[in-house]
N, C-alpha and C. Protein backbone atom coordinates (compact mmCIF):
# COMPACT_ATOMS: atom_id res chain seq x y z
N MET A 1 -0.57 -8.33 -16.80
CA MET A 1 -0.94 -9.55 -15.71
C MET A 1 -2.45 -9.71 -15.99
N THR A 2 -2.92 -11.06 -16.05
CA THR A 2 -4.13 -11.38 -16.39
C THR A 2 -4.59 -11.74 -15.16
N GLU A 3 -5.95 -12.11 -14.99
CA GLU A 3 -6.54 -12.21 -13.89
C GLU A 3 -7.85 -13.45 -14.17
N GLY A 4 -7.62 -14.23 -13.43
CA GLY A 4 -9.01 -15.40 -13.50
C GLY A 4 -9.15 -16.38 -12.43
N THR A 5 -9.71 -17.19 -12.68
CA THR A 5 -10.21 -18.03 -11.18
C THR A 5 -10.13 -19.47 -11.63
N THR A 6 -10.24 -20.27 -10.98
CA THR A 6 -10.19 -21.75 -10.99
C THR A 6 -11.37 -22.32 -10.79
N GLY A 7 -11.78 -23.39 -11.30
CA GLY A 7 -13.00 -24.06 -10.96
C GLY A 7 -12.99 -25.54 -10.85
N GLY A 8 -14.06 -26.03 -11.06
CA GLY A 8 -14.04 -27.56 -11.33
C GLY A 8 -14.21 -28.38 -9.69
N THR A 9 -14.05 -29.59 -9.57
CA THR A 9 -13.83 -30.52 -8.34
C THR A 9 -12.78 -31.28 -8.10
N THR A 10 -12.65 -31.68 -6.85
CA THR A 10 -11.43 -32.55 -6.56
C THR A 10 -11.68 -33.26 -5.24
N ASP A 11 -11.39 -34.76 -5.49
CA ASP A 11 -11.66 -35.60 -4.36
C ASP A 11 -10.71 -35.14 -3.27
N ASP A 12 -11.32 -34.96 -2.01
CA ASP A 12 -10.71 -34.60 -0.67
C ASP A 12 -9.83 -36.11 -0.14
N PRO A 13 -8.77 -36.32 0.11
CA PRO A 13 -8.16 -37.25 0.29
C PRO A 13 -8.45 -37.66 1.60
N ARG A 14 -9.09 -36.80 2.68
CA ARG A 14 -9.23 -36.98 4.03
C ARG A 14 -10.50 -37.64 4.20
N ASP A 15 -11.52 -37.58 3.58
CA ASP A 15 -12.88 -38.48 3.50
C ASP A 15 -13.12 -38.69 2.56
N GLY A 16 -12.62 -38.75 1.24
CA GLY A 16 -13.15 -39.34 0.31
C GLY A 16 -14.48 -38.17 -0.46
N THR A 17 -14.73 -37.39 0.05
CA THR A 17 -15.92 -36.78 -0.41
C THR A 17 -15.48 -35.62 -1.29
N GLU A 18 -16.28 -35.11 -2.17
CA GLU A 18 -16.30 -34.13 -3.24
C GLU A 18 -16.21 -32.92 -3.05
N THR A 19 -15.34 -32.09 -3.06
CA THR A 19 -15.38 -30.61 -2.64
C THR A 19 -14.97 -29.61 -3.69
N ARG A 20 -15.85 -28.70 -3.82
CA ARG A 20 -15.61 -27.75 -4.67
C ARG A 20 -14.29 -26.74 -4.32
N ARG A 21 -13.41 -26.62 -5.04
CA ARG A 21 -12.20 -25.59 -5.42
C ARG A 21 -12.81 -24.30 -5.19
N GLN A 22 -12.01 -23.63 -4.13
CA GLN A 22 -12.53 -22.25 -3.87
C GLN A 22 -11.95 -21.30 -4.96
N LYS A 23 -12.72 -20.44 -5.47
CA LYS A 23 -12.43 -19.48 -6.26
C LYS A 23 -11.38 -18.44 -6.02
N ALA A 24 -10.30 -17.91 -6.68
CA ALA A 24 -9.65 -16.98 -6.50
C ALA A 24 -10.45 -15.85 -6.37
N PRO A 25 -9.95 -15.00 -5.37
CA PRO A 25 -10.85 -13.82 -5.34
C PRO A 25 -10.67 -12.64 -6.52
N ILE A 26 -11.38 -12.41 -6.78
CA ILE A 26 -12.03 -11.65 -8.04
C ILE A 26 -10.88 -10.39 -8.00
N GLY A 27 -10.32 -10.19 -9.17
CA GLY A 27 -9.48 -8.98 -9.06
C GLY A 27 -8.08 -9.06 -8.70
N ARG A 28 -7.85 -10.41 -8.21
CA ARG A 28 -6.63 -10.70 -7.40
C ARG A 28 -5.28 -11.10 -8.67
N PRO A 29 -4.23 -10.54 -8.74
CA PRO A 29 -3.55 -10.84 -10.11
C PRO A 29 -2.74 -12.82 -9.53
N ARG A 30 -2.58 -13.24 -10.50
CA ARG A 30 -2.07 -14.38 -10.55
C ARG A 30 -0.29 -13.99 -9.87
N GLY A 31 0.18 -14.69 -8.85
CA GLY A 31 1.79 -14.55 -8.36
C GLY A 31 1.68 -13.25 -7.30
N PHE A 32 0.50 -12.75 -6.84
CA PHE A 32 0.28 -11.75 -5.88
C PHE A 32 1.06 -11.85 -4.85
N ASP A 33 2.06 -11.13 -4.24
CA ASP A 33 2.98 -11.15 -3.18
C ASP A 33 2.50 -10.56 -1.97
N ALA A 34 1.72 -10.73 -0.66
CA ALA A 34 1.00 -9.80 0.14
C ALA A 34 2.26 -8.84 0.63
N ASP A 35 3.44 -9.75 0.91
CA ASP A 35 4.34 -9.11 2.01
C ASP A 35 5.23 -7.92 0.85
N GLU A 36 5.00 -8.32 -0.19
CA GLU A 36 5.79 -7.20 -1.21
C GLU A 36 4.65 -6.02 -1.37
N ALA A 37 3.86 -6.40 -1.65
CA ALA A 37 2.63 -5.25 -1.69
C ALA A 37 2.96 -4.30 -0.47
N LEU A 38 2.79 -5.02 0.63
CA LEU A 38 2.78 -4.31 1.92
C LEU A 38 3.77 -3.35 2.16
N ASP A 39 4.95 -3.76 1.68
CA ASP A 39 6.03 -2.87 1.67
C ASP A 39 6.27 -1.77 0.79
N HIS A 40 5.25 -2.02 -0.43
CA HIS A 40 4.90 -0.60 -1.37
C HIS A 40 4.31 0.17 -0.65
N ALA A 41 3.19 -0.24 -0.10
CA ALA A 41 2.24 0.61 0.66
C ALA A 41 2.73 1.21 1.63
N MET A 42 3.59 0.60 2.50
CA MET A 42 4.28 1.22 3.58
C MET A 42 5.08 2.45 2.98
N ARG A 43 5.74 2.36 1.84
CA ARG A 43 6.74 3.45 1.47
C ARG A 43 5.74 4.63 0.88
N VAL A 44 4.95 4.13 0.41
CA VAL A 44 3.95 5.44 -0.29
C VAL A 44 3.24 6.00 1.17
N PHE A 45 3.15 5.54 2.33
CA PHE A 45 1.98 6.32 3.33
C PHE A 45 3.67 7.09 3.86
N TRP A 46 4.59 6.35 3.91
CA TRP A 46 5.99 7.05 4.77
C TRP A 46 6.23 8.12 4.06
N GLY A 47 6.07 8.07 2.78
CA GLY A 47 6.66 9.39 1.93
C GLY A 47 5.44 10.51 1.43
N GLN A 48 4.31 9.97 1.69
CA GLN A 48 3.28 10.77 1.49
C GLN A 48 2.50 11.31 2.57
N GLY A 49 2.15 10.37 3.44
CA GLY A 49 1.27 10.57 4.75
C GLY A 49 0.22 9.97 4.58
N TYR A 50 -1.03 9.64 5.34
CA TYR A 50 -2.24 9.07 5.33
C TYR A 50 -2.93 9.76 4.31
N GLU A 51 -3.52 11.03 4.24
CA GLU A 51 -4.27 11.81 3.23
C GLU A 51 -3.81 11.92 2.12
N GLY A 52 -2.46 11.99 2.10
CA GLY A 52 -1.53 12.28 0.63
C GLY A 52 -1.67 11.03 -0.15
N ALA A 53 -1.57 9.84 0.56
CA ALA A 53 -1.76 8.63 -0.19
C ALA A 53 -2.83 8.26 -0.87
N SER A 54 -3.14 8.66 -2.01
CA SER A 54 -4.49 8.29 -2.63
C SER A 54 -4.54 6.66 -2.95
N LEU A 55 -5.40 6.08 -3.12
CA LEU A 55 -5.78 4.78 -3.41
C LEU A 55 -5.34 4.49 -4.74
N THR A 56 -5.28 5.21 -5.66
CA THR A 56 -4.39 5.37 -6.98
C THR A 56 -2.95 5.07 -6.97
N ASP A 57 -2.66 6.04 -6.08
CA ASP A 57 -0.95 5.76 -5.53
C ASP A 57 -0.88 4.71 -4.95
N LEU A 58 -1.55 4.09 -3.98
CA LEU A 58 -1.25 2.88 -3.25
C LEU A 58 -1.42 1.34 -4.05
N THR A 59 -2.61 1.63 -5.00
CA THR A 59 -2.48 0.21 -5.81
C THR A 59 -1.50 0.26 -7.01
N ASN A 60 -1.29 1.56 -7.72
CA ASN A 60 -0.27 1.50 -8.39
C ASN A 60 1.03 0.88 -8.04
N ALA A 61 1.43 1.35 -6.46
CA ALA A 61 2.71 1.13 -6.22
C ALA A 61 2.77 -0.54 -5.97
N MET A 62 1.58 -1.10 -5.46
CA MET A 62 1.34 -2.57 -4.93
C MET A 62 1.14 -3.37 -6.27
N GLY A 63 0.87 -2.78 -7.32
CA GLY A 63 0.79 -3.64 -8.42
C GLY A 63 -0.36 -4.45 -8.40
N ILE A 64 -1.72 -4.06 -7.74
CA ILE A 64 -2.74 -4.78 -7.85
C ILE A 64 -3.82 -3.64 -7.98
N THR A 65 -5.11 -4.28 -8.17
CA THR A 65 -6.39 -3.65 -8.25
C THR A 65 -6.95 -3.19 -7.03
N ARG A 66 -7.75 -2.35 -7.01
CA ARG A 66 -8.58 -1.88 -5.62
C ARG A 66 -9.19 -3.25 -5.00
N THR A 67 -10.03 -3.92 -5.87
CA THR A 67 -10.71 -5.05 -5.47
C THR A 67 -9.69 -5.75 -4.27
N SER A 68 -8.26 -6.32 -5.15
CA SER A 68 -7.27 -6.86 -4.54
C SER A 68 -6.69 -6.60 -3.27
N MET A 69 -6.89 -5.20 -3.34
CA MET A 69 -6.50 -4.37 -2.32
C MET A 69 -7.46 -4.54 -0.92
N TYR A 70 -8.68 -4.57 -1.30
CA TYR A 70 -9.59 -4.67 -0.23
C TYR A 70 -9.73 -5.66 0.15
N ALA A 71 -9.57 -7.06 -0.59
CA ALA A 71 -10.02 -8.29 -0.35
C ALA A 71 -8.47 -8.83 0.76
N ALA A 72 -7.35 -8.24 0.05
CA ALA A 72 -6.23 -8.48 0.97
C ALA A 72 -5.97 -7.95 2.33
N PHE A 73 -6.31 -6.56 1.99
CA PHE A 73 -5.97 -5.76 3.66
C PHE A 73 -7.01 -4.99 3.71
N GLY A 74 -8.05 -4.79 3.27
CA GLY A 74 -9.25 -4.15 4.07
C GLY A 74 -9.24 -2.74 3.41
N ASN A 75 -10.20 -1.67 4.01
CA ASN A 75 -10.06 -0.58 3.60
C ASN A 75 -8.45 0.44 3.61
N LYS A 76 -8.66 1.57 3.22
CA LYS A 76 -7.29 2.47 3.62
C LYS A 76 -6.61 2.35 5.02
N GLU A 77 -7.83 2.53 5.58
CA GLU A 77 -7.20 2.57 6.95
C GLU A 77 -6.64 1.40 7.33
N ASP A 78 -7.39 0.06 7.33
CA ASP A 78 -6.90 -0.98 7.78
C ASP A 78 -5.30 -1.08 7.16
N LEU A 79 -5.38 -0.78 5.82
CA LEU A 79 -4.08 -1.12 5.20
C LEU A 79 -2.98 -0.24 5.66
N PHE A 80 -3.42 1.00 6.20
CA PHE A 80 -2.43 1.81 6.63
C PHE A 80 -1.94 1.28 8.21
N ARG A 81 -2.82 0.64 9.05
CA ARG A 81 -2.44 0.04 10.11
C ARG A 81 -1.61 -1.13 10.27
N LYS A 82 -1.70 -1.77 9.20
CA LYS A 82 -0.66 -2.67 8.33
C LYS A 82 0.56 -2.44 7.97
N ALA A 83 0.41 -1.60 7.33
CA ALA A 83 1.92 -0.60 7.03
C ALA A 83 2.40 -0.13 8.19
N LEU A 84 1.78 0.49 9.21
CA LEU A 84 2.68 0.94 10.32
C LEU A 84 3.09 -0.35 11.00
N GLU A 85 2.37 -1.50 11.31
CA GLU A 85 3.12 -2.68 11.68
C GLU A 85 4.20 -2.93 10.77
N ARG A 86 4.37 -3.24 9.64
CA ARG A 86 5.29 -3.34 8.94
C ARG A 86 6.73 -2.63 9.39
N TYR A 87 6.16 -1.03 9.26
CA TYR A 87 7.32 -0.05 9.47
C TYR A 87 7.85 -0.24 10.88
N THR A 88 7.20 -0.84 12.09
CA THR A 88 7.92 -1.12 13.36
C THR A 88 8.69 -2.12 13.19
N GLU A 89 8.18 -3.46 12.43
CA GLU A 89 9.03 -4.53 12.57
C GLU A 89 10.18 -4.28 11.56
N GLY A 90 10.10 -3.21 10.48
CA GLY A 90 11.35 -3.09 9.58
C GLY A 90 12.04 -1.88 9.83
N PRO A 91 12.07 -0.84 9.37
CA PRO A 91 12.80 0.26 9.64
C PRO A 91 12.76 0.74 10.99
N ALA A 92 11.66 0.76 11.49
CA ALA A 92 11.67 1.22 13.04
C ALA A 92 12.17 0.33 14.18
N SER A 93 12.56 -0.98 13.73
CA SER A 93 13.11 -1.79 14.62
C SER A 93 14.04 -1.43 15.83
N TYR A 94 14.67 -0.56 15.16
CA TYR A 94 15.72 -0.01 16.22
C TYR A 94 15.30 0.09 17.35
N GLY A 95 14.05 0.54 17.54
CA GLY A 95 13.47 1.04 18.81
C GLY A 95 13.28 -0.39 19.88
N ALA A 96 12.85 -1.32 19.28
CA ALA A 96 12.91 -2.50 20.24
C ALA A 96 14.27 -2.98 20.66
N ARG A 97 15.12 -2.96 19.49
CA ARG A 97 16.68 -3.41 19.79
C ARG A 97 17.34 -2.62 20.88
N ALA A 98 17.13 -1.42 20.52
CA ALA A 98 17.66 -0.38 21.73
C ALA A 98 17.18 -0.68 23.04
N LEU A 99 16.30 -1.20 23.12
CA LEU A 99 15.85 -1.54 24.59
C LEU A 99 16.50 -2.77 25.58
N ARG A 100 17.13 -3.56 24.47
CA ARG A 100 17.89 -4.60 25.02
C ARG A 100 19.28 -4.28 25.34
N GLU A 101 19.86 -2.90 25.03
CA GLU A 101 21.35 -2.58 25.33
C GLU A 101 21.21 -2.50 26.85
N PRO A 102 22.59 -3.09 27.23
CA PRO A 102 22.85 -3.19 28.61
C PRO A 102 22.77 -2.18 29.78
N THR A 103 22.89 -1.09 29.28
CA THR A 103 22.88 0.05 30.35
C THR A 103 21.87 1.39 29.72
N ALA A 104 21.38 2.01 30.58
CA ALA A 104 20.51 3.12 30.18
C ALA A 104 21.06 3.78 29.03
N ARG A 105 22.25 4.38 29.21
CA ARG A 105 22.92 5.23 28.32
C ARG A 105 23.08 4.66 27.12
N GLN A 106 23.29 3.32 27.12
CA GLN A 106 23.47 2.69 25.83
C GLN A 106 21.90 2.30 25.15
N VAL A 107 21.15 2.47 25.78
CA VAL A 107 19.75 2.42 25.34
C VAL A 107 19.22 3.80 24.47
N ALA A 108 19.83 4.93 25.13
CA ALA A 108 19.66 6.24 24.75
C ALA A 108 20.27 6.17 23.55
N THR A 109 21.40 5.87 23.26
CA THR A 109 22.29 6.25 22.40
C THR A 109 22.20 5.60 20.95
N ALA A 110 21.53 3.86 21.44
CA ALA A 110 21.16 3.04 20.03
C ALA A 110 19.77 3.59 19.75
N PHE A 111 19.07 4.51 20.71
CA PHE A 111 17.88 4.84 19.82
C PHE A 111 17.77 6.05 19.07
N LEU A 112 18.67 6.83 19.39
CA LEU A 112 18.91 8.18 18.68
C LEU A 112 19.48 7.87 17.37
N ASN A 113 20.44 7.37 17.88
CA ASN A 113 21.46 6.73 16.52
C ASN A 113 20.55 6.16 15.32
N GLY A 114 19.65 5.24 15.80
CA GLY A 114 18.96 4.19 15.36
C GLY A 114 17.70 5.17 14.21
N SER A 115 17.43 6.26 15.20
CA SER A 115 16.51 7.31 14.58
C SER A 115 16.89 7.85 13.65
N VAL A 116 18.46 8.56 13.45
CA VAL A 116 19.13 9.28 12.42
C VAL A 116 19.28 8.44 11.32
N ARG A 117 19.53 7.24 11.48
CA ARG A 117 19.73 6.17 10.62
C ARG A 117 18.58 5.85 9.87
N ALA A 118 17.61 5.64 10.25
CA ALA A 118 16.45 5.05 9.82
C ALA A 118 15.51 6.59 9.03
N THR A 119 15.82 7.67 9.56
CA THR A 119 15.18 8.83 8.83
C THR A 119 15.57 9.33 7.63
N THR A 120 17.08 8.80 7.49
CA THR A 120 18.20 9.19 6.37
C THR A 120 18.35 8.26 5.53
N SER A 121 17.69 6.97 5.80
CA SER A 121 18.25 6.17 4.97
C SER A 121 18.22 6.26 3.47
N PRO A 122 19.21 5.62 2.74
CA PRO A 122 19.61 5.71 1.10
C PRO A 122 18.43 4.77 0.61
N GLY A 123 17.47 5.61 -0.54
CA GLY A 123 16.47 4.60 -0.97
C GLY A 123 15.25 4.45 -0.42
N CYS A 124 15.05 5.17 0.77
CA CYS A 124 13.80 5.09 1.56
C CYS A 124 13.39 6.55 1.36
N PRO A 125 12.03 6.84 1.69
CA PRO A 125 11.67 8.14 2.01
C PRO A 125 12.27 8.82 3.34
N THR A 126 12.26 9.95 3.20
CA THR A 126 13.05 10.64 4.58
C THR A 126 12.02 10.69 5.53
N GLY A 127 12.51 11.24 6.83
CA GLY A 127 11.84 10.81 7.86
C GLY A 127 11.29 9.91 8.66
N CYS A 128 9.88 9.90 9.33
CA CYS A 128 9.56 8.83 10.16
C CYS A 128 8.03 8.86 9.81
N LEU A 129 7.81 7.45 9.40
CA LEU A 129 6.04 7.30 9.40
C LEU A 129 5.22 7.52 10.20
N GLY A 130 6.06 6.99 11.57
CA GLY A 130 5.19 7.20 12.66
C GLY A 130 5.22 8.73 13.32
N VAL A 131 5.93 9.37 12.87
CA VAL A 131 5.67 11.21 13.00
C VAL A 131 4.90 11.97 11.97
N GLN A 132 5.11 11.81 10.69
CA GLN A 132 4.61 12.61 9.74
C GLN A 132 3.70 12.02 9.21
N GLY A 133 3.06 10.65 9.01
CA GLY A 133 1.97 9.88 8.82
C GLY A 133 0.87 10.51 8.56
N SER A 134 0.46 11.54 9.76
CA SER A 134 -1.13 12.21 9.54
C SER A 134 -0.69 13.31 10.48
N LEU A 135 0.13 14.03 10.33
CA LEU A 135 0.45 15.30 10.78
C LEU A 135 -0.42 16.38 10.47
N ALA A 136 -1.00 16.19 9.08
CA ALA A 136 -1.31 17.63 8.76
C ALA A 136 -2.84 16.73 8.30
N ALA A 137 -3.34 15.31 8.97
CA ALA A 137 -4.59 14.92 8.58
C ALA A 137 -5.73 15.84 9.06
N GLY A 138 -7.03 15.71 8.16
CA GLY A 138 -8.30 16.32 8.47
C GLY A 138 -9.06 15.34 9.12
N ASP A 139 -10.27 15.54 9.16
CA ASP A 139 -11.23 14.59 10.15
C ASP A 139 -11.12 13.24 9.41
N PRO A 140 -11.07 13.23 7.93
CA PRO A 140 -11.02 11.87 7.51
C PRO A 140 -9.72 10.91 8.16
N GLY A 141 -8.65 11.55 8.23
CA GLY A 141 -7.57 11.09 8.61
C GLY A 141 -7.55 10.71 10.38
N ARG A 142 -8.60 11.01 10.76
CA ARG A 142 -8.35 10.90 12.30
C ARG A 142 -8.06 9.61 13.42
N HIS A 143 -8.54 8.67 12.63
CA HIS A 143 -8.19 7.31 13.07
C HIS A 143 -6.88 6.91 12.65
N ALA A 144 -6.38 7.52 11.38
CA ALA A 144 -4.77 7.07 11.40
C ALA A 144 -4.06 8.17 12.35
N ARG A 145 -4.54 9.11 12.52
CA ARG A 145 -4.09 10.12 13.68
C ARG A 145 -3.97 9.44 14.81
N ASP A 146 -5.07 9.33 15.32
CA ASP A 146 -5.01 8.24 16.59
C ASP A 146 -4.06 7.04 17.20
N ALA A 147 -3.97 6.51 15.66
CA ALA A 147 -3.35 5.32 15.36
C ALA A 147 -1.97 5.75 15.65
N LEU A 148 -1.39 6.70 15.25
CA LEU A 148 0.09 7.12 15.40
C LEU A 148 0.42 7.75 16.89
N ALA A 149 -0.58 8.32 17.35
CA ALA A 149 -0.49 8.83 18.72
C ALA A 149 -0.15 7.86 19.69
N THR A 150 -1.28 6.73 19.39
CA THR A 150 -0.90 5.48 20.24
C THR A 150 0.34 4.77 20.03
N TRP A 151 0.67 4.77 18.74
CA TRP A 151 2.07 4.08 18.26
C TRP A 151 3.05 5.24 19.19
N ARG A 152 3.12 6.13 19.18
CA ARG A 152 4.25 6.67 19.62
C ARG A 152 4.16 6.71 21.06
N ASN A 153 2.94 7.03 21.76
CA ASN A 153 3.16 6.60 23.17
C ASN A 153 3.38 5.32 23.70
N GLU A 154 3.13 4.40 22.73
CA GLU A 154 3.69 3.22 23.06
C GLU A 154 5.16 3.26 23.41
N HIS A 155 5.88 3.70 22.56
CA HIS A 155 7.37 3.74 21.93
C HIS A 155 7.73 4.61 23.72
N THR A 156 7.23 5.53 23.96
CA THR A 156 7.51 6.35 25.26
C THR A 156 7.48 5.38 26.21
N SER A 157 6.44 4.51 26.65
CA SER A 157 5.94 3.96 27.61
C SER A 157 7.11 2.72 27.71
N ARG A 158 7.54 2.19 26.77
CA ARG A 158 8.46 1.09 26.92
C ARG A 158 9.76 1.80 27.11
N LEU A 159 10.26 2.66 26.58
CA LEU A 159 11.41 3.49 27.21
C LEU A 159 11.35 3.98 28.48
N ARG A 160 10.22 4.30 29.00
CA ARG A 160 10.01 4.80 30.51
C ARG A 160 10.14 3.35 31.23
N ASP A 161 9.52 2.39 31.07
CA ASP A 161 9.64 1.29 31.79
C ASP A 161 11.21 0.23 31.77
N ARG A 162 12.05 0.82 30.90
CA ARG A 162 13.40 0.37 30.68
C ARG A 162 14.17 1.15 31.61
N PHE A 163 14.00 2.71 31.49
CA PHE A 163 14.74 3.36 32.66
C PHE A 163 14.33 3.46 34.07
N ARG A 164 13.19 2.55 34.15
CA ARG A 164 12.74 2.26 35.54
C ARG A 164 13.47 1.29 36.05
N GLN A 165 13.55 0.46 35.04
CA GLN A 165 14.61 -0.97 35.59
C GLN A 165 15.84 -0.43 35.60
N ALA A 166 16.24 0.59 34.84
CA ALA A 166 17.75 1.09 35.29
C ALA A 166 18.15 1.92 36.49
N ILE A 167 16.77 2.20 36.88
CA ILE A 167 16.98 2.95 38.21
C ILE A 167 16.89 1.93 39.54
N ASP A 168 16.48 0.70 38.97
CA ASP A 168 16.20 -0.55 40.38
C ASP A 168 17.28 -1.07 40.62
N GLU A 169 18.07 -1.03 38.93
CA GLU A 169 19.62 -1.72 38.72
C GLU A 169 20.69 -0.71 39.17
N GLY A 170 20.32 0.40 39.87
CA GLY A 170 21.28 1.39 40.19
C GLY A 170 22.16 1.97 38.82
N ASP A 171 21.63 1.79 37.72
CA ASP A 171 22.22 2.03 36.45
C ASP A 171 21.98 4.06 36.14
N LEU A 172 20.73 4.01 36.84
CA LEU A 172 20.50 5.43 36.69
C LEU A 172 20.35 5.82 38.20
N PRO A 173 20.73 7.11 38.69
CA PRO A 173 20.64 7.77 39.61
C PRO A 173 19.11 7.52 40.44
N PRO A 174 19.08 7.23 41.55
CA PRO A 174 17.53 7.14 42.20
C PRO A 174 16.58 8.43 41.70
N ASP A 175 17.31 9.52 41.97
CA ASP A 175 16.05 10.78 41.50
C ASP A 175 15.86 10.85 40.18
N ALA A 176 16.18 10.05 39.18
CA ALA A 176 16.06 10.13 37.88
C ALA A 176 14.61 10.01 37.66
N ASP A 177 13.98 10.88 36.40
CA ASP A 177 12.73 10.54 36.42
C ASP A 177 12.48 9.93 34.97
N PRO A 178 11.93 8.74 35.05
CA PRO A 178 12.32 8.03 34.07
C PRO A 178 11.26 8.24 33.04
N GLU A 179 9.91 8.79 33.26
CA GLU A 179 8.99 9.06 32.64
C GLU A 179 9.50 10.56 31.35
N LEU A 180 9.92 11.52 32.38
CA LEU A 180 10.87 12.52 31.55
C LEU A 180 12.00 12.35 30.91
N LEU A 181 12.76 11.18 31.16
CA LEU A 181 14.01 10.81 29.92
C LEU A 181 13.40 10.15 28.99
N ALA A 182 12.13 9.59 29.24
CA ALA A 182 11.57 8.78 27.81
C ALA A 182 11.13 9.76 26.97
N ARG A 183 10.38 11.09 27.52
CA ARG A 183 9.72 11.87 26.84
C ARG A 183 10.90 12.91 26.13
N TYR A 184 12.05 12.81 26.65
CA TYR A 184 13.27 13.67 26.19
C TYR A 184 13.53 12.96 25.03
N LEU A 185 13.87 11.71 25.23
CA LEU A 185 14.39 11.09 23.99
C LEU A 185 13.39 10.70 22.86
N MET A 186 12.07 10.53 23.23
CA MET A 186 11.03 10.63 21.98
C MET A 186 10.97 11.84 21.26
N THR A 187 11.06 13.16 22.04
CA THR A 187 10.78 14.39 21.74
C THR A 187 12.29 14.77 20.67
N VAL A 188 13.36 14.49 21.01
CA VAL A 188 14.51 14.45 20.24
C VAL A 188 14.26 13.81 18.77
N ALA A 189 13.94 12.49 18.99
CA ALA A 189 13.69 11.65 17.91
C ALA A 189 12.62 12.09 17.12
N ASN A 190 11.70 12.60 17.40
CA ASN A 190 10.72 13.02 16.54
C ASN A 190 11.00 14.37 15.86
N GLY A 191 11.85 15.17 16.50
CA GLY A 191 12.51 16.01 15.91
C GLY A 191 13.67 15.99 14.97
N ILE A 192 14.33 14.74 15.00
CA ILE A 192 15.41 14.41 14.16
C ILE A 192 14.25 13.98 12.78
N ALA A 193 13.36 13.33 12.97
CA ALA A 193 12.43 12.74 11.85
C ALA A 193 12.19 14.18 11.19
N VAL A 194 11.56 14.89 11.72
CA VAL A 194 10.81 16.35 11.08
C VAL A 194 12.23 17.14 10.37
N GLN A 195 13.07 17.04 11.06
CA GLN A 195 14.24 17.85 10.33
C GLN A 195 14.61 16.75 9.24
N ALA A 196 14.70 15.45 9.11
CA ALA A 196 15.34 14.56 8.01
C ALA A 196 14.30 15.16 7.08
N ALA A 197 12.95 15.12 7.04
CA ALA A 197 12.02 15.50 6.03
C ALA A 197 12.41 16.55 5.58
N GLY A 198 12.52 17.45 6.07
CA GLY A 198 13.39 18.80 5.55
C GLY A 198 14.57 18.89 4.91
N GLY A 199 15.07 18.00 4.57
CA GLY A 199 16.33 18.13 4.12
C GLY A 199 17.70 17.85 4.74
N ALA A 200 17.45 17.81 6.21
CA ALA A 200 18.65 18.01 6.99
C ALA A 200 19.39 16.52 6.61
N THR A 201 21.14 16.55 6.75
CA THR A 201 21.65 15.57 6.18
C THR A 201 21.98 14.56 7.37
N ARG A 202 22.34 13.19 7.02
CA ARG A 202 22.68 12.00 8.33
C ARG A 202 23.34 12.99 9.24
N ASP A 203 24.42 13.88 8.86
CA ASP A 203 25.78 13.93 9.46
C ASP A 203 25.22 15.11 10.42
N ASP A 204 24.65 16.25 9.99
CA ASP A 204 24.02 16.89 10.73
C ASP A 204 23.40 16.43 11.84
N LEU A 205 22.45 15.64 11.73
CA LEU A 205 21.45 15.06 12.65
C LEU A 205 22.11 14.14 13.22
N GLN A 206 23.01 13.39 13.19
CA GLN A 206 23.74 12.67 13.79
C GLN A 206 24.67 13.67 15.11
N GLN A 207 24.88 14.78 14.61
CA GLN A 207 25.51 15.93 15.73
C GLN A 207 24.35 16.52 16.80
N VAL A 208 23.16 16.44 16.35
CA VAL A 208 22.02 16.65 17.14
C VAL A 208 22.34 15.66 18.18
N ALA A 209 21.88 14.34 17.53
CA ALA A 209 21.77 13.09 18.63
C ALA A 209 23.06 13.19 19.66
N ASP A 210 24.19 13.48 19.12
CA ASP A 210 25.35 13.23 20.23
C ASP A 210 25.13 14.51 21.21
N MET A 211 24.88 15.78 20.50
CA MET A 211 24.52 16.62 21.71
C MET A 211 23.93 16.58 22.77
N ALA A 212 22.28 15.90 22.45
CA ALA A 212 21.36 15.44 23.28
C ALA A 212 21.99 14.28 24.46
N LEU A 213 22.64 13.67 23.99
CA LEU A 213 22.98 12.31 24.61
C LEU A 213 24.32 13.04 25.95
N ARG A 214 24.81 14.29 25.57
CA ARG A 214 25.67 14.85 26.33
C ARG A 214 25.13 15.34 27.71
N SER A 215 23.74 15.47 27.74
CA SER A 215 22.93 15.70 29.10
C SER A 215 22.21 14.62 29.76
N TRP A 216 22.91 13.45 29.39
CA TRP A 216 22.30 12.09 29.83
C TRP A 216 22.84 12.06 31.43
N PRO A 217 22.28 11.77 32.17
CA PRO A 217 22.71 11.81 33.64
C PRO A 217 23.33 10.82 33.78
N PRO A 218 24.53 10.77 34.71
CA PRO A 218 25.57 9.72 35.02
C PRO A 218 24.61 8.74 35.99
N ALA A 219 25.59 7.32 35.78
CA ALA A 219 24.82 6.53 36.95
C ALA A 219 25.28 6.99 38.21
């Protein structure tokens, strides 16, 4: 794929003044699709983690040069944050959908079942980007590690708030601990992700999810 710039002048129909056409960013290929490139970067981070994903791995998967990557997404840390947002809106969107279920038990069921499906999806890396993305990161990956800790805590907080609502509505017993229930679900989901990355099958992990749900408090 060739790279180039456009030049010349054009009349601005709004005020009749002559304006210079902006040059395309150096190193940016024609036909560059930022959304598609970000999807590829997300998969690299998902499969290799933050530190395991080299700039060469990322740009090769994205089909762009380093210059293009920096121009469109910033540095590697910026790209990782954007990839995590993409992951949240895509493969991990089951979390937001689960919160909309009508009962606390259905929320918990949808959350764990979604975790099983997302971490064992055919054609995708196994495990969870939000869990394994920087577990083994050293100091250079500190910002990515902190971003993922914040990401997991935010999901725990949303579950906690949903279970508080369930207590207020009488859907959970008044002595239920919404914080503990939220952390329980997150711990099971995180364990499912780690086991999936280690090769556990979807059927095996679904049995784990089903067992965890048997201890869910009655309404």
